[in-house]
Amino acid sequence: MVTFVVNCKARAGKEAEAEEAIRELVACVDRDEPGAPVYVFHRNIQDRSEMVLFECYDDDAAFARHNGSAHMALFRSRFQDLFDPTTTQMWPLERIEGVVRPSPALV
């Protein structure tokens, strides 16, 4: 499994547009990427401009398909306008151990 956490901040006044772009991206991942079992954006409660993505892929090939997808190309083309790239951080993660359960609260 390939896992990342991505942290980024929406530009001032662009928070609603950034959220809409995120919703569109997640819908495409849900529809077109069965190799991405987890793709969840969150918003920081204390700083609503800060967005955090937790994403997991079945393998390197699934991650490569995601990166090469048309919906990621569209999101990247909008990123500079909607988010401050100087605040963006991405961390690759290695799983130690965990539990994943189906839950209505996760859907």
PDB file of N, CA and C in Angstrom:
ATOM      1  N   MET A   1       0.847  -1.185   0.000  1.00  0.00           N
ATOM      2  CA  MET A   1       0.000   0.000   0.000  1.00  0.00           C
ATOM      3  C   MET A   1       0.885   1.239   0.000  1.00  0.00           C
ATOM      4  N   VAL A   2       0.499   2.218  -0.782  1.00  0.00           N
ATOM      5  CA  VAL A   2       1.192   3.500  -0.887  1.00  0.00           C
ATOM      6  C   VAL A   2       0.310   4.546  -0.218  1.00  0.00           C
ATOM      7  N   THR A   3       0.869   5.279   0.754  1.00  0.00           N
ATOM      8  CA  THR A   3       0.073   6.222   1.541  1.00  0.00           C
ATOM      9  C   THR A   3       0.784   7.567   1.641  1.00  0.00           C
ATOM     10  N   PHE A   4       0.001   8.630   1.563  1.00  0.00           N
ATOM     11  CA  PHE A   4       0.517   9.989   1.695  1.00  0.00           C
ATOM     12  C   PHE A   4      -0.429  10.817   2.549  1.00  0.00           C
ATOM     13  N   VAL A   5       0.144  11.815   3.219  1.00  0.00           N
ATOM     14  CA  VAL A   5      -0.614  12.900   3.824  1.00  0.00           C
ATOM     15  C   VAL A   5      -0.143  14.167   3.136  1.00  0.00           C
ATOM     16  N   VAL A   6      -1.088  14.976   2.689  1.00  0.00           N
ATOM     17  CA  VAL A   6      -0.783  16.234   2.008  1.00  0.00           C
ATOM     18  C   VAL A   6      -1.474  17.357   2.766  1.00  0.00           C
ATOM     19  N   ASN A   7      -0.732  18.417   3.035  1.00  0.00           N
ATOM     20  CA  ASN A   7      -1.262  19.567   3.750  1.00  0.00           C
ATOM     21  C   ASN A   7      -1.121  20.781   2.839  1.00  0.00           C
ATOM     22  N   CYS A   8      -2.195  21.558   2.672  1.00  0.00           N
ATOM     23  CA  CYS A   8      -2.130  22.762   1.850  1.00  0.00           C
ATOM     24  C   CYS A   8      -3.112  23.795   2.388  1.00  0.00           C
ATOM     25  N   LYS A   9      -2.866  25.055   2.030  1.00  0.00           N
ATOM     26  CA  LYS A   9      -3.745  26.144   2.468  1.00  0.00           C
ATOM     27  C   LYS A   9      -4.363  26.831   1.265  1.00  0.00           C
ATOM     28  N   ALA A  10      -5.667  27.032   1.345  1.00  0.00           N
ATOM     29  CA  ALA A  10      -6.359  27.792   0.310  1.00  0.00           C
ATOM     30  C   ALA A  10      -5.952  29.263   0.410  1.00  0.00           C
ATOM     31  N   ARG A  11      -5.888  29.895  -0.729  1.00  0.00           N
ATOM     32  CA  ARG A  11      -5.598  31.333  -0.748  1.00  0.00           C
ATOM     33  C   ARG A  11      -6.775  32.078  -0.121  1.00  0.00           C
ATOM     34  N   ALA A  12      -6.482  33.200   0.504  1.00  0.00           N
ATOM     35  CA  ALA A  12      -7.518  34.022   1.130  1.00  0.00           C
ATOM     36  C   ALA A  12      -8.581  34.387   0.093  1.00  0.00           C
ATOM     37  N   GLY A  13      -9.828  34.164   0.444  1.00  0.00           N
ATOM     38  CA  GLY A  13     -10.944  34.454  -0.442  1.00  0.00           C
ATOM     39  C   GLY A  13     -11.235  33.357  -1.451  1.00  0.00           C
ATOM     40  N   LYS A  14     -10.403  32.327  -1.499  1.00  0.00           N
ATOM     41  CA  LYS A  14     -10.577  31.224  -2.463  1.00  0.00           C
ATOM     42  C   LYS A  14     -11.009  29.926  -1.773  1.00  0.00           C
ATOM     43  N   GLU A  15     -11.342  30.005  -0.499  1.00  0.00           N
ATOM     44  CA  GLU A  15     -11.665  28.793   0.255  1.00  0.00           C
ATOM     45  C   GLU A  15     -12.829  28.014  -0.347  1.00  0.00           C
ATOM     46  N   ALA A  16     -13.894  28.701  -0.734  1.00  0.00           N
ATOM     47  CA  ALA A  16     -15.066  28.014  -1.300  1.00  0.00           C
ATOM     48  C   ALA A  16     -14.728  27.378  -2.643  1.00  0.00           C
ATOM     49  N   GLU A  17     -13.969  28.082  -3.479  1.00  0.00           N
ATOM     50  CA  GLU A  17     -13.560  27.517  -4.774  1.00  0.00           C
ATOM     51  C   GLU A  17     -12.644  26.314  -4.581  1.00  0.00           C
ATOM     52  N   ALA A  18     -11.735  26.414  -3.602  1.00  0.00           N
ATOM     53  CA  ALA A  18     -10.828  25.302  -3.321  1.00  0.00           C
ATOM     54  C   ALA A  18     -11.618  24.081  -2.863  1.00  0.00           C
ATOM     55  N   GLU A  19     -12.600  24.304  -2.006  1.00  0.00           N
ATOM     56  CA  GLU A  19     -13.425  23.195  -1.532  1.00  0.00           C
ATOM     57  C   GLU A  19     -14.204  22.554  -2.682  1.00  0.00           C
ATOM     58  N   GLU A  20     -14.706  23.350  -3.588  1.00  0.00           N
ATOM     59  CA  GLU A  20     -15.432  22.799  -4.742  1.00  0.00           C
ATOM     60  C   GLU A  20     -14.501  21.989  -5.636  1.00  0.00           C
ATOM     61  N   ALA A  21     -13.291  22.491  -5.855  1.00  0.00           N
ATOM     62  CA  ALA A  21     -12.308  21.745  -6.660  1.00  0.00           C
ATOM     63  C   ALA A  21     -11.967  20.413  -5.989  1.00  0.00           C
ATOM     64  N   ILE A  22     -11.865  20.430  -4.677  1.00  0.00           N
ATOM     65  CA  ILE A  22     -11.603  19.200  -3.918  1.00  0.00           C
ATOM     66  C   ILE A  22     -12.761  18.221  -4.085  1.00  0.00           C
ATOM     67  N   ARG A  23     -13.979  18.706  -3.950  1.00  0.00           N
ATOM     68  CA  ARG A  23     -15.151  17.825  -4.093  1.00  0.00           C
ATOM     69  C   ARG A  23     -15.194  17.191  -5.495  1.00  0.00           C
ATOM     70  N   GLU A  24     -14.888  17.983  -6.519  1.00  0.00           N
ATOM     71  CA  GLU A  24     -14.857  17.459  -7.897  1.00  0.00           C
ATOM     72  C   GLU A  24     -13.776  16.395  -8.048  1.00  0.00           C
ATOM     73  N   LEU A  25     -12.591  16.659  -7.496  1.00  0.00           N
ATOM     74  CA  LEU A  25     -11.493  15.703  -7.575  1.00  0.00           C
ATOM     75  C   LEU A  25     -11.854  14.400  -6.869  1.00  0.00           C
ATOM     76  N   VAL A  26     -12.389  14.494  -5.671  1.00  0.00           N
ATOM     77  CA  VAL A  26     -12.750  13.291  -4.905  1.00  0.00           C
ATOM     78  C   VAL A  26     -13.821  12.490  -5.636  1.00  0.00           C
ATOM     79  N   ALA A  27     -14.773  13.153  -6.252  1.00  0.00           N
ATOM     80  CA  ALA A  27     -15.808  12.439  -7.014  1.00  0.00           C
ATOM     81  C   ALA A  27     -15.179  11.649  -8.162  1.00  0.00           C
ATOM     82  N   CYS A  28     -14.199  12.228  -8.835  1.00  0.00           N
ATOM     83  CA  CYS A  28     -13.515  11.532  -9.935  1.00  0.00           C
ATOM     84  C   CYS A  28     -12.718  10.343  -9.413  1.00  0.00           C
ATOM     85  N   VAL A  29     -12.021  10.529  -8.305  1.00  0.00           N
ATOM     86  CA  VAL A  29     -11.256   9.422  -7.721  1.00  0.00           C
ATOM     87  C   VAL A  29     -12.208   8.300  -7.331  1.00  0.00           C
ATOM     88  N   ASP A  30     -13.318   8.650  -6.717  1.00  0.00           N
ATOM     89  CA  ASP A  30     -14.309   7.645  -6.308  1.00  0.00           C
ATOM     90  C   ASP A  30     -14.842   6.885  -7.519  1.00  0.00           C
ATOM     91  N   ARG A  31     -15.133   7.590  -8.573  1.00  0.00           N
ATOM     92  CA  ARG A  31     -15.725   6.987  -9.767  1.00  0.00           C
ATOM     93  C   ARG A  31     -14.717   6.193 -10.601  1.00  0.00           C
ATOM     94  N   ASP A  32     -13.481   6.701 -10.721  1.00  0.00           N
ATOM     95  CA  ASP A  32     -12.546   6.175 -11.721  1.00  0.00           C
ATOM     96  C   ASP A  32     -11.336   5.428 -11.167  1.00  0.00           C
ATOM     97  N   GLU A  33     -11.150   5.408  -9.860  1.00  0.00           N
ATOM     98  CA  GLU A  33      -9.918   4.843  -9.316  1.00  0.00           C
ATOM     99  C   GLU A  33     -10.177   3.783  -8.244  1.00  0.00           C
ATOM    100  N   PRO A  34     -10.490   2.570  -8.652  1.00  0.00           N
ATOM    101  CA  PRO A  34     -10.700   1.510  -7.655  1.00  0.00           C
ATOM    102  C   PRO A  34      -9.418   1.172  -6.893  1.00  0.00           C
ATOM    103  N   GLY A  35      -8.264   1.552  -7.417  1.00  0.00           N
ATOM    104  CA  GLY A  35      -6.995   1.307  -6.741  1.00  0.00           C
ATOM    105  C   GLY A  35      -6.654   2.334  -5.678  1.00  0.00           C
ATOM    106  N   ALA A  36      -7.602   3.248  -5.414  1.00  0.00           N
ATOM    107  CA  ALA A  36      -7.436   4.249  -4.350  1.00  0.00           C
ATOM    108  C   ALA A  36      -8.540   4.029  -3.320  1.00  0.00           C
ATOM    109  N   PRO A  37      -8.345   3.068  -2.404  1.00  0.00           N
ATOM    110  CA  PRO A  37      -9.412   2.754  -1.450  1.00  0.00           C
ATOM    111  C   PRO A  37      -9.673   3.853  -0.418  1.00  0.00           C
ATOM    112  N   VAL A  38      -8.690   4.743  -0.210  1.00  0.00           N
ATOM    113  CA  VAL A  38      -8.870   5.847   0.742  1.00  0.00           C
ATOM    114  C   VAL A  38      -8.387   7.123   0.070  1.00  0.00           C
ATOM    115  N   TYR A  39      -9.262   8.123   0.030  1.00  0.00           N
ATOM    116  CA  TYR A  39      -8.915   9.421  -0.539  1.00  0.00           C
ATOM    117  C   TYR A  39      -9.812  10.432   0.161  1.00  0.00           C
ATOM    118  N   VAL A  40      -9.335  10.961   1.278  1.00  0.00           N
ATOM    119  CA  VAL A  40     -10.183  11.761   2.159  1.00  0.00           C
ATOM    120  C   VAL A  40      -9.523  13.100   2.463  1.00  0.00           C
ATOM    121  N   PHE A  41     -10.201  14.178   2.117  1.00  0.00           N
ATOM    122  CA  PHE A  41      -9.768  15.524   2.491  1.00  0.00           C
ATOM    123  C   PHE A  41     -10.445  15.913   3.799  1.00  0.00           C
ATOM    124  N   HIS A  42      -9.710  16.631   4.613  1.00  0.00           N
ATOM    125  CA  HIS A  42     -10.227  17.203   5.858  1.00  0.00           C
ATOM    126  C   HIS A  42      -9.891  18.696   5.869  1.00  0.00           C
ATOM    127  N   ARG A  43     -10.604  19.419   6.728  1.00  0.00           N
ATOM    128  CA  ARG A  43     -10.297  20.834   6.938  1.00  0.00           C
ATOM    129  C   ARG A  43      -9.902  21.005   8.404  1.00  0.00           C
ATOM    130  N   ASN A  44      -8.889  21.821   8.636  1.00  0.00           N
ATOM    131  CA  ASN A  44      -8.469  22.136   9.999  1.00  0.00           C
ATOM    132  C   ASN A  44      -9.563  22.967  10.667  1.00  0.00           C
ATOM    133  N   ILE A  45     -10.035  22.535  11.799  1.00  0.00           N
ATOM    134  CA  ILE A  45     -11.112  23.239  12.503  1.00  0.00           C
ATOM    135  C   ILE A  45     -10.648  24.613  12.983  1.00  0.00           C
ATOM    136  N   GLN A  46      -9.383  24.739  13.341  1.00  0.00           N
ATOM    137  CA  GLN A  46      -8.877  26.011  13.867  1.00  0.00           C
ATOM    138  C   GLN A  46      -8.454  26.987  12.773  1.00  0.00           C
ATOM    139  N   ASP A  47      -8.132  26.482  11.600  1.00  0.00           N
ATOM    140  CA  ASP A  47      -7.757  27.325  10.455  1.00  0.00           C
ATOM    141  C   ASP A  47      -8.457  26.750   9.227  1.00  0.00           C
ATOM    142  N   ARG A  48      -9.626  27.271   8.904  1.00  0.00           N
ATOM    143  CA  ARG A  48     -10.478  26.688   7.876  1.00  0.00           C
ATOM    144  C   ARG A  48      -9.895  26.789   6.467  1.00  0.00           C
ATOM    145  N   SER A  49      -8.805  27.531   6.303  1.00  0.00           N
ATOM    146  CA  SER A  49      -8.158  27.580   4.994  1.00  0.00           C
ATOM    147  C   SER A  49      -7.203  26.399   4.799  1.00  0.00           C
ATOM    148  N   GLU A  50      -6.883  25.695   5.873  1.00  0.00           N
ATOM    149  CA  GLU A  50      -5.937  24.580   5.800  1.00  0.00           C
ATOM    150  C   GLU A  50      -6.678  23.282   5.499  1.00  0.00           C
ATOM    151  N   MET A  51      -6.228  22.594   4.442  1.00  0.00           N
ATOM    152  CA  MET A  51      -6.828  21.328   4.023  1.00  0.00           C
ATOM    153  C   MET A  51      -5.778  20.221   4.169  1.00  0.00           C
ATOM    154  N   VAL A  52      -6.227  19.058   4.595  1.00  0.00           N
ATOM    155  CA  VAL A  52      -5.338  17.913   4.772  1.00  0.00           C
ATOM    156  C   VAL A  52      -5.946  16.729   4.027  1.00  0.00           C
ATOM    157  N   LEU A  53      -5.138  16.107   3.186  1.00  0.00           N
ATOM    158  CA  LEU A  53      -5.566  14.943   2.420  1.00  0.00           C
ATOM    159  C   LEU A  53      -4.860  13.707   2.955  1.00  0.00           C
ATOM    160  N   PHE A  54      -5.630  12.638   3.193  1.00  0.00           N
ATOM    161  CA  PHE A  54      -5.080  11.328   3.526  1.00  0.00           C
ATOM    162  C   PHE A  54      -5.452  10.421   2.370  1.00  0.00           C
ATOM    163  N   GLU A  55      -4.435   9.885   1.675  1.00  0.00           N
ATOM    164  CA  GLU A  55      -4.687   9.089   0.483  1.00  0.00           C
ATOM    165  C   GLU A  55      -3.896   7.787   0.527  1.00  0.00           C
ATOM    166  N   CYS A  56      -4.568   6.703   0.151  1.00  0.00           N
ATOM    167  CA  CYS A  56      -3.938   5.379   0.100  1.00  0.00           C
ATOM    168  C   CYS A  56      -4.227   4.749  -1.260  1.00  0.00           C
ATOM    169  N   TYR A  57      -3.220   4.078  -1.783  1.00  0.00           N
ATOM    170  CA  TYR A  57      -3.325   3.383  -3.078  1.00  0.00           C
ATOM    171  C   TYR A  57      -2.921   1.931  -2.880  1.00  0.00           C
ATOM    172  N   ASP A  58      -3.500   1.050  -3.678  1.00  0.00           N
ATOM    173  CA  ASP A  58      -3.187  -0.366  -3.568  1.00  0.00           C
ATOM    174  C   ASP A  58      -1.705  -0.647  -3.798  1.00  0.00           C
ATOM    175  N   ASP A  59      -1.095   0.098  -4.721  1.00  0.00           N
ATOM    176  CA  ASP A  59       0.300  -0.147  -5.076  1.00  0.00           C
ATOM    177  C   ASP A  59       0.832   1.045  -5.869  1.00  0.00           C
ATOM    178  N   ASP A  60       2.095   0.960  -6.254  1.00  0.00           N
ATOM    179  CA  ASP A  60       2.724   2.052  -7.015  1.00  0.00           C
ATOM    180  C   ASP A  60       2.015   2.306  -8.343  1.00  0.00           C
ATOM    181  N   ALA A  61       1.523   1.236  -8.976  1.00  0.00           N
ATOM    182  CA  ALA A  61       0.838   1.393 -10.261  1.00  0.00           C
ATOM    183  C   ALA A  61      -0.453   2.198 -10.102  1.00  0.00           C
ATOM    184  N   ALA A  62      -1.187   1.952  -9.030  1.00  0.00           N
ATOM    185  CA  ALA A  62      -2.429   2.705  -8.774  1.00  0.00           C
ATOM    186  C   ALA A  62      -2.114   4.176  -8.515  1.00  0.00           C
ATOM    187  N   PHE A  63      -1.032   4.429  -7.784  1.00  0.00           N
ATOM    188  CA  PHE A  63      -0.620   5.812  -7.540  1.00  0.00           C
ATOM    189  C   PHE A  63      -0.210   6.485  -8.845  1.00  0.00           C
ATOM    190  N   ALA A  64       0.511   5.764  -9.693  1.00  0.00           N
ATOM    191  CA  ALA A  64       0.919   6.314 -10.997  1.00  0.00           C
ATOM    192  C   ALA A  64      -0.299   6.626 -11.865  1.00  0.00           C
ATOM    193  N   ARG A  65      -1.301   5.738 -11.858  1.00  0.00           N
ATOM    194  CA  ARG A  65      -2.531   6.006 -12.628  1.00  0.00           C
ATOM    195  C   ARG A  65      -3.218   7.264 -12.104  1.00  0.00           C
ATOM    196  N   HIS A  66      -3.255   7.433 -10.792  1.00  0.00           N
ATOM    197  CA  HIS A  66      -3.850   8.630 -10.197  1.00  0.00           C
ATOM    198  C   HIS A  66      -3.109   9.877 -10.679  1.00  0.00           C
ATOM    199  N   ASN A  67      -1.784   9.848 -10.567  1.00  0.00           N
ATOM    200  CA  ASN A  67      -0.990  11.017 -10.976  1.00  0.00           C
ATOM    201  C   ASN A  67      -1.127  11.337 -12.448  1.00  0.00           C
ATOM    202  N   GLY A  68      -1.353  10.329 -13.282  1.00  0.00           N
ATOM    203  CA  GLY A  68      -1.480  10.538 -14.712  1.00  0.00           C
ATOM    204  C   GLY A  68      -2.896  10.761 -15.200  1.00  0.00           C
ATOM    205  N   SER A  69      -3.844  10.812 -14.281  1.00  0.00           N
ATOM    206  CA  SER A  69      -5.255  10.935 -14.671  1.00  0.00           C
ATOM    207  C   SER A  69      -5.597  12.350 -15.151  1.00  0.00           C
ATOM    208  N   ALA A  70      -6.632  12.427 -15.958  1.00  0.00           N
ATOM    209  CA  ALA A  70      -7.111  13.726 -16.452  1.00  0.00           C
ATOM    210  C   ALA A  70      -7.614  14.595 -15.310  1.00  0.00           C
ATOM    211  N   HIS A  71      -8.259  13.979 -14.317  1.00  0.00           N
ATOM    212  CA  HIS A  71      -8.785  14.791 -13.213  1.00  0.00           C
ATOM    213  C   HIS A  71      -7.662  15.367 -12.346  1.00  0.00           C
ATOM    214  N   MET A  72      -6.532  14.655 -12.211  1.00  0.00           N
ATOM    215  CA  MET A  72      -5.405  15.235 -11.479  1.00  0.00           C
ATOM    216  C   MET A  72      -4.760  16.348 -12.296  1.00  0.00           C
ATOM    217  N   ALA A  73      -4.704  16.186 -13.611  1.00  0.00           N
ATOM    218  CA  ALA A  73      -4.162  17.251 -14.466  1.00  0.00           C
ATOM    219  C   ALA A  73      -4.997  18.517 -14.332  1.00  0.00           C
ATOM    220  N   LEU A  74      -6.322  18.362 -14.315  1.00  0.00           N
ATOM    221  CA  LEU A  74      -7.204  19.515 -14.147  1.00  0.00           C
ATOM    222  C   LEU A  74      -7.001  20.151 -12.774  1.00  0.00           C
ATOM    223  N   PHE A  75      -6.935  19.337 -11.726  1.00  0.00           N
ATOM    224  CA  PHE A  75      -6.737  19.863 -10.372  1.00  0.00           C
ATOM    225  C   PHE A  75      -5.400  20.605 -10.283  1.00  0.00           C
ATOM    226  N   ARG A  76      -4.347  20.029 -10.842  1.00  0.00           N
ATOM    227  CA  ARG A  76      -3.035  20.695 -10.828  1.00  0.00           C
ATOM    228  C   ARG A  76      -3.083  22.037 -11.556  1.00  0.00           C
ATOM    229  N   SER A  77      -3.841  22.100 -12.650  1.00  0.00           N
ATOM    230  CA  SER A  77      -3.922  23.357 -13.412  1.00  0.00           C
ATOM    231  C   SER A  77      -4.616  24.455 -12.619  1.00  0.00           C
ATOM    232  N   ARG A  78      -5.452  24.077 -11.671  1.00  0.00           N
ATOM    233  CA  ARG A  78      -6.182  25.044 -10.845  1.00  0.00           C
ATOM    234  C   ARG A  78      -5.487  25.303  -9.514  1.00  0.00           C
ATOM    235  N   PHE A  79      -4.548  24.442  -9.147  1.00  0.00           N
ATOM    236  CA  PHE A  79      -3.952  24.480  -7.813  1.00  0.00           C
ATOM    237  C   PHE A  79      -3.319  25.832  -7.492  1.00  0.00           C
ATOM    238  N   GLN A  80      -2.499  26.349  -8.381  1.00  0.00           N
ATOM    239  CA  GLN A  80      -1.765  27.600  -8.144  1.00  0.00           C
ATOM    240  C   GLN A  80      -2.714  28.763  -7.840  1.00  0.00           C
ATOM    241  N   ASP A  81      -3.849  28.792  -8.509  1.00  0.00           N
ATOM    242  CA  ASP A  81      -4.819  29.865  -8.302  1.00  0.00           C
ATOM    243  C   ASP A  81      -5.576  29.709  -6.980  1.00  0.00           C
ATOM    244  N   LEU A  82      -5.822  28.467  -6.574  1.00  0.00           N
ATOM    245  CA  LEU A  82      -6.657  28.213  -5.394  1.00  0.00           C
ATOM    246  C   LEU A  82      -5.887  28.026  -4.095  1.00  0.00           C
ATOM    247  N   PHE A  83      -4.658  27.534  -4.186  1.00  0.00           N
ATOM    248  CA  PHE A  83      -3.875  27.207  -2.998  1.00  0.00           C
ATOM    249  C   PHE A  83      -2.539  27.928  -3.026  1.00  0.00           C
ATOM    250  N   ASP A  84      -1.996  28.159  -1.847  1.00  0.00           N
ATOM    251  CA  ASP A  84      -0.670  28.759  -1.725  1.00  0.00           C
ATOM    252  C   ASP A  84       0.360  27.630  -1.752  1.00  0.00           C
ATOM    253  N   PRO A  85       1.082  27.461  -2.868  1.00  0.00           N
ATOM    254  CA  PRO A  85       2.008  26.334  -2.976  1.00  0.00           C
ATOM    255  C   PRO A  85       3.160  26.384  -1.974  1.00  0.00           C
ATOM    256  N   THR A  86       3.452  27.566  -1.422  1.00  0.00           N
ATOM    257  CA  THR A  86       4.537  27.660  -0.438  1.00  0.00           C
ATOM    258  C   THR A  86       4.162  26.989   0.877  1.00  0.00           C
ATOM    259  N   THR A  87       2.881  26.732   1.090  1.00  0.00           N
ATOM    260  CA  THR A  87       2.437  26.079   2.326  1.00  0.00           C
ATOM    261  C   THR A  87       2.227  24.581   2.143  1.00  0.00           C
ATOM    262  N   THR A  88       2.351  24.089   0.925  1.00  0.00           N
ATOM    263  CA  THR A  88       2.037  22.688   0.631  1.00  0.00           C
ATOM    264  C   THR A  88       3.164  21.768   1.082  1.00  0.00           C
ATOM    265  N   GLN A  89       2.767  20.732   1.798  1.00  0.00           N
ATOM    266  CA  GLN A  89       3.700  19.708   2.250  1.00  0.00           C
ATOM    267  C   GLN A  89       3.089  18.344   1.945  1.00  0.00           C
ATOM    268  N   MET A  90       3.958  17.393   1.596  1.00  0.00           N
ATOM    269  CA  MET A  90       3.499  16.037   1.299  1.00  0.00           C
ATOM    270  C   MET A  90       4.442  15.062   1.982  1.00  0.00           C
ATOM    271  N   TRP A  91       3.856  14.129   2.739  1.00  0.00           N
ATOM    272  CA  TRP A  91       4.654  13.151   3.450  1.00  0.00           C
ATOM    273  C   TRP A  91       4.263  11.744   3.010  1.00  0.00           C
ATOM    274  N   PRO A  92       5.216  10.965   2.479  1.00  0.00           N
ATOM    275  CA  PRO A  92       4.942   9.550   2.226  1.00  0.00           C
ATOM    276  C   PRO A  92       4.986   8.810   3.569  1.00  0.00           C
ATOM    277  N   LEU A  93       4.084   7.884   3.740  1.00  0.00           N
ATOM    278  CA  LEU A  93       3.990   7.149   5.003  1.00  0.00           C
ATOM    279  C   LEU A  93       4.197   5.665   4.780  1.00  0.00           C
ATOM    280  N   GLU A  94       4.735   5.023   5.778  1.00  0.00           N
ATOM    281  CA  GLU A  94       4.891   3.574   5.779  1.00  0.00           C
ATOM    282  C   GLU A  94       4.057   3.025   6.930  1.00  0.00           C
ATOM    283  N   ARG A  95       3.163   2.114   6.610  1.00  0.00           N
ATOM    284  CA  ARG A  95       2.262   1.570   7.623  1.00  0.00           C
ATOM    285  C   ARG A  95       3.038   0.683   8.596  1.00  0.00           C
ATOM    286  N   ILE A  96       2.780   0.882   9.869  1.00  0.00           N
ATOM    287  CA  ILE A  96       3.311   0.000  10.903  1.00  0.00           C
ATOM    288  C   ILE A  96       2.247  -1.026  11.263  1.00  0.00           C
ATOM    289  N   GLU A  97       1.074  -0.537  11.615  1.00  0.00           N
ATOM    290  CA  GLU A  97      -0.048  -1.408  11.982  1.00  0.00           C
ATOM    291  C   GLU A  97      -1.290  -0.538  12.012  1.00  0.00           C
ATOM    292  N   GLY A  98      -2.453  -1.124  11.879  1.00  0.00           N
ATOM    293  CA  GLY A  98      -3.669  -0.324  11.926  1.00  0.00           C
ATOM    294  C   GLY A  98      -4.917  -1.160  11.793  1.00  0.00           C
ATOM    295  N   VAL A  99      -6.030  -0.484  11.957  1.00  0.00           N
ATOM    296  CA  VAL A  99      -7.348  -1.091  11.825  1.00  0.00           C
ATOM    297  C   VAL A  99      -8.159  -0.229  10.874  1.00  0.00           C
ATOM    298  N   VAL A 100      -8.818  -0.863   9.931  1.00  0.00           N
ATOM    299  CA  VAL A 100      -9.733  -0.165   9.036  1.00  0.00           C
ATOM    300  C   VAL A 100     -11.042  -0.939   9.065  1.00  0.00           C
ATOM    301  N   ARG A 101     -12.096  -0.264   9.447  1.00  0.00           N
ATOM    302  CA  ARG A 101     -13.413  -0.903   9.529  1.00  0.00           C
ATOM    303  C   ARG A 101     -14.409  -0.102   8.706  1.00  0.00           C
ATOM    304  N   PRO A 102     -15.328  -0.784   8.058  1.00  0.00           N
ATOM    305  CA  PRO A 102     -16.419  -0.062   7.387  1.00  0.00           C
ATOM    306  C   PRO A 102     -17.235   0.689   8.452  1.00  0.00           C
ATOM    307  N   SER A 103     -17.564   1.921   8.134  1.00  0.00           N
ATOM    308  CA  SER A 103     -18.339   2.730   9.071  1.00  0.00           C
ATOM    309  C   SER A 103     -19.178   3.740   8.288  1.00  0.00           C
ATOM    310  N   PRO A 104     -20.456   3.879   8.627  1.00  0.00           N
ATOM    311  CA  PRO A 104     -21.270   4.903   7.959  1.00  0.00           C
ATOM    312  C   PRO A 104     -20.693   6.302   8.131  1.00  0.00           C
ATOM    313  N   ALA A 105     -19.973   6.549   9.217  1.00  0.00           N
ATOM    314  CA  ALA A 105     -19.393   7.867   9.453  1.00  0.00           C
ATOM    315  C   ALA A 105     -18.245   8.175   8.493  1.00  0.00           C
ATOM    316  N   LEU A 106     -17.660   7.144   7.877  1.00  0.00           N
ATOM    317  CA  LEU A 106     -16.545   7.356   6.958  1.00  0.00           C
ATOM    318  C   LEU A 106     -17.015   7.618   5.543  1.00  0.00           C
ATOM    319  N   VAL A 107     -18.240   7.359   5.240  1.00  0.00           N
ATOM    320  CA  VAL A 107     -18.733   7.497   3.874  1.00  0.00           C
ATOM    321  C   VAL A 107     -19.318   8.867   3.652  1.00  0.00           C
TER     322      VAL A 107
END
